Amino acid sequence: MWDVLSALIPPVVVATVFCTFIYKLLRSEMAPRTADGRPVKDASSEGNGTPVPETDQLAAAEGDTAEGGPKSTESSATDLPSGDTGSAGR
């Protein structure tokens, strides 16, 4: 019986190491990420140590236009000529 157990020890060790590697790999790949792809724990360590909600990060990113400047405070709706009420007047 001991010779059977001694023959099974090397495959069990290899299988355990392999499963541990796969477990760690999957945990690191499936970790929650921010909008720019960094893990959440890395993003929260920046600055003052408090995590920034993802909605705030997205709002800050959407606040810039393609030219790199901030959006104007006017609405982004299409400008209508004066006197035209849009779809409400139909």
N, C-alpha and C. Protein backbone atom coordinates (compact mmCIF):
# COMPACT_ATOMS: atom_id res chain seq x y z
N MET A 1 0.81 -1.19 0.00
CA MET A 1 0.00 0.00 0.00
C MET A 1 0.86 1.26 0.00
N TRP A 2 1.99 1.24 0.70
CA TRP A 2 2.85 2.42 0.76
C TRP A 2 3.48 2.72 -0.59
N ASP A 3 3.76 1.72 -1.38
CA ASP A 3 4.33 1.96 -2.69
C ASP A 3 3.32 2.62 -3.62
N VAL A 4 2.03 2.34 -3.46
CA VAL A 4 0.99 3.00 -4.24
C VAL A 4 0.91 4.49 -3.84
N LEU A 5 0.92 4.74 -2.54
CA LEU A 5 0.86 6.12 -2.07
C LEU A 5 2.10 6.91 -2.49
N SER A 6 3.26 6.29 -2.43
CA SER A 6 4.47 7.00 -2.84
C SER A 6 4.47 7.27 -4.34
N ALA A 7 3.81 6.43 -5.12
CA ALA A 7 3.71 6.68 -6.55
C ALA A 7 2.72 7.80 -6.86
N LEU A 8 1.73 8.03 -5.98
CA LEU A 8 0.72 9.06 -6.23
C LEU A 8 1.13 10.45 -5.72
N ILE A 9 2.13 10.53 -4.87
CA ILE A 9 2.51 11.83 -4.29
C ILE A 9 2.99 12.83 -5.35
N PRO A 10 3.89 12.47 -6.26
CA PRO A 10 4.32 13.47 -7.26
C PRO A 10 3.18 14.02 -8.13
N PRO A 11 2.27 13.20 -8.66
CA PRO A 11 1.17 13.78 -9.44
C PRO A 11 0.25 14.66 -8.60
N VAL A 12 0.04 14.31 -7.34
CA VAL A 12 -0.81 15.13 -6.48
C VAL A 12 -0.16 16.49 -6.23
N VAL A 13 1.14 16.50 -6.02
CA VAL A 13 1.85 17.77 -5.81
C VAL A 13 1.77 18.63 -7.07
N VAL A 14 2.02 18.05 -8.22
CA VAL A 14 1.96 18.80 -9.48
C VAL A 14 0.55 19.32 -9.73
N ALA A 15 -0.45 18.52 -9.49
CA ALA A 15 -1.84 18.95 -9.68
C ALA A 15 -2.20 20.08 -8.72
N THR A 16 -1.72 20.01 -7.48
CA THR A 16 -2.00 21.06 -6.51
C THR A 16 -1.35 22.37 -6.93
N VAL A 17 -0.12 22.33 -7.36
CA VAL A 17 0.57 23.55 -7.83
C VAL A 17 -0.14 24.11 -9.06
N PHE A 18 -0.52 23.26 -9.98
CA PHE A 18 -1.21 23.71 -11.19
C PHE A 18 -2.55 24.38 -10.84
N CYS A 19 -3.33 23.75 -9.99
CA CYS A 19 -4.63 24.32 -9.60
C CYS A 19 -4.46 25.64 -8.84
N THR A 20 -3.43 25.73 -8.01
CA THR A 20 -3.16 26.98 -7.29
C THR A 20 -2.80 28.09 -8.27
N PHE A 21 -1.97 27.78 -9.27
CA PHE A 21 -1.61 28.76 -10.29
C PHE A 21 -2.84 29.23 -11.06
N ILE A 22 -3.68 28.32 -11.49
CA ILE A 22 -4.89 28.68 -12.23
C ILE A 22 -5.82 29.52 -11.36
N TYR A 23 -5.96 29.18 -10.10
CA TYR A 23 -6.80 29.94 -9.17
C TYR A 23 -6.30 31.38 -9.04
N LYS A 24 -4.99 31.56 -8.84
CA LYS A 24 -4.44 32.91 -8.71
C LYS A 24 -4.57 33.70 -10.01
N LEU A 25 -4.35 33.04 -11.13
CA LEU A 25 -4.47 33.71 -12.42
C LEU A 25 -5.91 34.18 -12.66
N LEU A 26 -6.86 33.31 -12.40
CA LEU A 26 -8.26 33.69 -12.61
C LEU A 26 -8.70 34.80 -11.67
N ARG A 27 -8.24 34.77 -10.43
CA ARG A 27 -8.60 35.83 -9.48
C ARG A 27 -8.04 37.17 -9.93
N SER A 28 -6.81 37.19 -10.43
CA SER A 28 -6.23 38.46 -10.86
C SER A 28 -6.88 38.98 -12.14
N GLU A 29 -7.26 38.08 -13.05
CA GLU A 29 -7.88 38.51 -14.30
C GLU A 29 -9.34 38.92 -14.12
N MET A 30 -10.02 38.34 -13.14
CA MET A 30 -11.43 38.64 -12.94
C MET A 30 -11.66 39.70 -11.87
N ALA A 31 -10.60 40.33 -11.39
CA ALA A 31 -10.72 41.35 -10.36
C ALA A 31 -11.47 42.55 -10.93
N PRO A 32 -12.26 43.24 -10.11
CA PRO A 32 -12.97 44.43 -10.59
C PRO A 32 -11.98 45.47 -11.11
N ARG A 33 -12.34 46.13 -12.17
CA ARG A 33 -11.45 47.11 -12.79
C ARG A 33 -12.18 48.43 -12.97
N THR A 34 -11.37 49.50 -13.05
CA THR A 34 -11.93 50.83 -13.31
C THR A 34 -12.18 50.97 -14.80
N ALA A 35 -12.70 52.11 -15.19
CA ALA A 35 -13.03 52.34 -16.60
C ALA A 35 -11.80 52.33 -17.48
N ASP A 36 -10.64 52.69 -16.95
CA ASP A 36 -9.43 52.71 -17.77
C ASP A 36 -8.65 51.41 -17.70
N GLY A 37 -9.18 50.38 -17.02
CA GLY A 37 -8.57 49.06 -17.04
C GLY A 37 -7.69 48.73 -15.86
N ARG A 38 -7.46 49.68 -14.96
CA ARG A 38 -6.64 49.39 -13.78
C ARG A 38 -7.48 48.67 -12.74
N PRO A 39 -6.86 47.77 -11.97
CA PRO A 39 -7.62 47.15 -10.86
C PRO A 39 -8.09 48.21 -9.87
N VAL A 40 -9.24 47.98 -9.25
CA VAL A 40 -9.82 48.94 -8.34
C VAL A 40 -8.89 49.22 -7.17
N LYS A 41 -8.22 48.21 -6.65
CA LYS A 41 -7.34 48.44 -5.50
C LYS A 41 -6.16 49.31 -5.86
N ASP A 42 -5.66 49.27 -7.11
CA ASP A 42 -4.57 50.15 -7.52
C ASP A 42 -5.06 51.58 -7.71
N ALA A 43 -6.27 51.74 -8.19
CA ALA A 43 -6.82 53.07 -8.42
C ALA A 43 -7.13 53.77 -7.10
N SER A 44 -7.55 53.01 -6.09
CA SER A 44 -7.90 53.62 -4.82
C SER A 44 -6.67 54.00 -4.01
N SER A 45 -5.50 53.45 -4.34
CA SER A 45 -4.29 53.78 -3.59
C SER A 45 -3.71 55.11 -4.02
N GLU A 46 -4.17 55.68 -5.13
CA GLU A 46 -3.69 56.97 -5.57
C GLU A 46 -4.33 58.08 -4.75
N GLY A 47 -3.72 59.21 -4.75
CA GLY A 47 -4.31 60.39 -4.10
C GLY A 47 -4.36 60.26 -2.60
N ASN A 48 -5.53 60.53 -2.03
CA ASN A 48 -5.65 60.56 -0.57
C ASN A 48 -6.05 59.22 0.02
N GLY A 49 -6.15 58.19 -0.78
CA GLY A 49 -6.43 56.87 -0.25
C GLY A 49 -7.90 56.50 -0.25
N THR A 50 -8.78 57.42 -0.60
CA THR A 50 -10.19 57.08 -0.67
C THR A 50 -10.53 56.73 -2.10
N PRO A 51 -11.30 55.68 -2.30
CA PRO A 51 -11.64 55.29 -3.67
C PRO A 51 -12.57 56.31 -4.31
N VAL A 52 -12.34 56.55 -5.59
CA VAL A 52 -13.18 57.46 -6.35
C VAL A 52 -14.24 56.63 -7.04
N PRO A 53 -15.52 56.95 -6.83
CA PRO A 53 -16.57 56.17 -7.51
C PRO A 53 -16.40 56.23 -9.02
N GLU A 54 -16.75 55.14 -9.66
CA GLU A 54 -16.56 55.06 -11.11
C GLU A 54 -17.41 56.09 -11.84
N THR A 55 -18.55 56.44 -11.29
CA THR A 55 -19.40 57.43 -11.95
C THR A 55 -18.72 58.79 -11.96
N ASP A 56 -17.97 59.13 -10.92
CA ASP A 56 -17.24 60.39 -10.91
C ASP A 56 -16.13 60.38 -11.93
N GLN A 57 -15.46 59.24 -12.10
CA GLN A 57 -14.40 59.14 -13.09
C GLN A 57 -14.97 59.28 -14.49
N LEU A 58 -16.12 58.66 -14.74
CA LEU A 58 -16.73 58.75 -16.05
C LEU A 58 -17.21 60.18 -16.32
N ALA A 59 -17.77 60.83 -15.32
CA ALA A 59 -18.25 62.19 -15.50
C ALA A 59 -17.09 63.12 -15.80
N ALA A 60 -15.96 62.90 -15.15
CA ALA A 60 -14.80 63.74 -15.41
C ALA A 60 -14.27 63.48 -16.82
N ALA A 61 -14.29 62.23 -17.27
CA ALA A 61 -13.81 61.91 -18.61
C ALA A 61 -14.75 62.45 -19.68
N GLU A 62 -16.05 62.45 -19.43
CA GLU A 62 -17.01 62.92 -20.41
C GLU A 62 -17.09 64.44 -20.44
N GLY A 63 -16.52 65.10 -19.46
CA GLY A 63 -16.57 66.55 -19.40
C GLY A 63 -15.67 67.21 -20.42
N ASP A 64 -14.79 66.48 -21.07
CA ASP A 64 -13.89 67.05 -22.06
C ASP A 64 -14.41 66.75 -23.46
N THR A 65 -14.24 67.72 -24.34
CA THR A 65 -14.65 67.53 -25.73
C THR A 65 -13.49 66.96 -26.51
N ALA A 66 -13.70 66.73 -27.79
CA ALA A 66 -12.66 66.17 -28.64
C ALA A 66 -11.48 67.12 -28.77
N GLU A 67 -11.72 68.42 -28.63
CA GLU A 67 -10.63 69.39 -28.73
C GLU A 67 -9.80 69.43 -27.46
N GLY A 68 -10.27 68.79 -26.41
CA GLY A 68 -9.52 68.76 -25.18
C GLY A 68 -9.99 69.79 -24.17
N GLY A 69 -10.89 70.64 -24.54
CA GLY A 69 -11.38 71.66 -23.63
C GLY A 69 -12.66 71.21 -22.97
N PRO A 70 -13.09 71.90 -21.92
CA PRO A 70 -14.34 71.51 -21.25
C PRO A 70 -15.55 71.85 -22.10
N LYS A 71 -16.62 71.13 -21.87
CA LYS A 71 -17.86 71.42 -22.57
C LYS A 71 -18.41 72.76 -22.12
N SER A 72 -19.14 73.41 -22.97
CA SER A 72 -19.75 74.66 -22.58
C SER A 72 -20.94 74.37 -21.66
N THR A 73 -21.38 75.38 -20.95
CA THR A 73 -22.48 75.19 -20.01
C THR A 73 -23.81 75.18 -20.72
N GLU A 74 -23.83 75.53 -21.99
CA GLU A 74 -25.08 75.48 -22.74
C GLU A 74 -25.43 74.03 -23.02
N SER A 75 -26.71 73.78 -23.29
CA SER A 75 -27.13 72.41 -23.57
C SER A 75 -26.54 71.96 -24.90
N SER A 76 -26.40 70.67 -25.05
CA SER A 76 -25.84 70.14 -26.28
C SER A 76 -26.93 69.85 -27.31
N ALA A 77 -28.17 70.31 -27.05
CA ALA A 77 -29.25 70.11 -28.00
C ALA A 77 -29.03 70.98 -29.24
N THR A 78 -29.61 70.56 -30.34
CA THR A 78 -29.49 71.31 -31.57
C THR A 78 -30.18 72.66 -31.41
N ASP A 79 -29.50 73.72 -31.85
CA ASP A 79 -30.08 75.05 -31.73
C ASP A 79 -31.25 75.19 -32.71
N LEU A 80 -32.37 75.68 -32.22
CA LEU A 80 -33.54 75.90 -33.04
C LEU A 80 -33.67 77.38 -33.33
N PRO A 81 -34.12 77.74 -34.52
CA PRO A 81 -34.34 79.15 -34.80
C PRO A 81 -35.43 79.70 -33.87
N SER A 82 -35.34 80.98 -33.56
CA SER A 82 -36.31 81.57 -32.65
C SER A 82 -37.71 81.45 -33.23
N GLY A 83 -38.67 81.19 -32.39
CA GLY A 83 -40.05 81.03 -32.82
C GLY A 83 -40.41 79.60 -33.17
N ASP A 84 -39.44 78.76 -33.42
CA ASP A 84 -39.70 77.36 -33.72
C ASP A 84 -39.75 76.59 -32.41
N THR A 85 -40.86 75.91 -32.14
CA THR A 85 -41.01 75.21 -30.87
C THR A 85 -40.55 73.78 -30.95
N GLY A 86 -40.03 73.36 -32.06
CA GLY A 86 -39.55 71.99 -32.19
C GLY A 86 -40.70 71.03 -32.40
N SER A 87 -40.65 69.86 -31.82
CA SER A 87 -41.66 68.85 -32.02
C SER A 87 -42.94 69.17 -31.24
N ALA A 88 -42.90 70.08 -30.28
CA ALA A 88 -44.08 70.40 -29.49
C ALA A 88 -45.13 71.14 -30.32
N GLY A 89 -44.73 71.81 -31.38
CA GLY A 89 -45.67 72.57 -32.19
C GLY A 89 -46.30 71.77 -33.30
N ARG A 90 -46.02 70.52 -33.42
CA ARG A 90 -46.56 69.71 -34.52
C ARG A 90 -47.96 69.27 -34.25
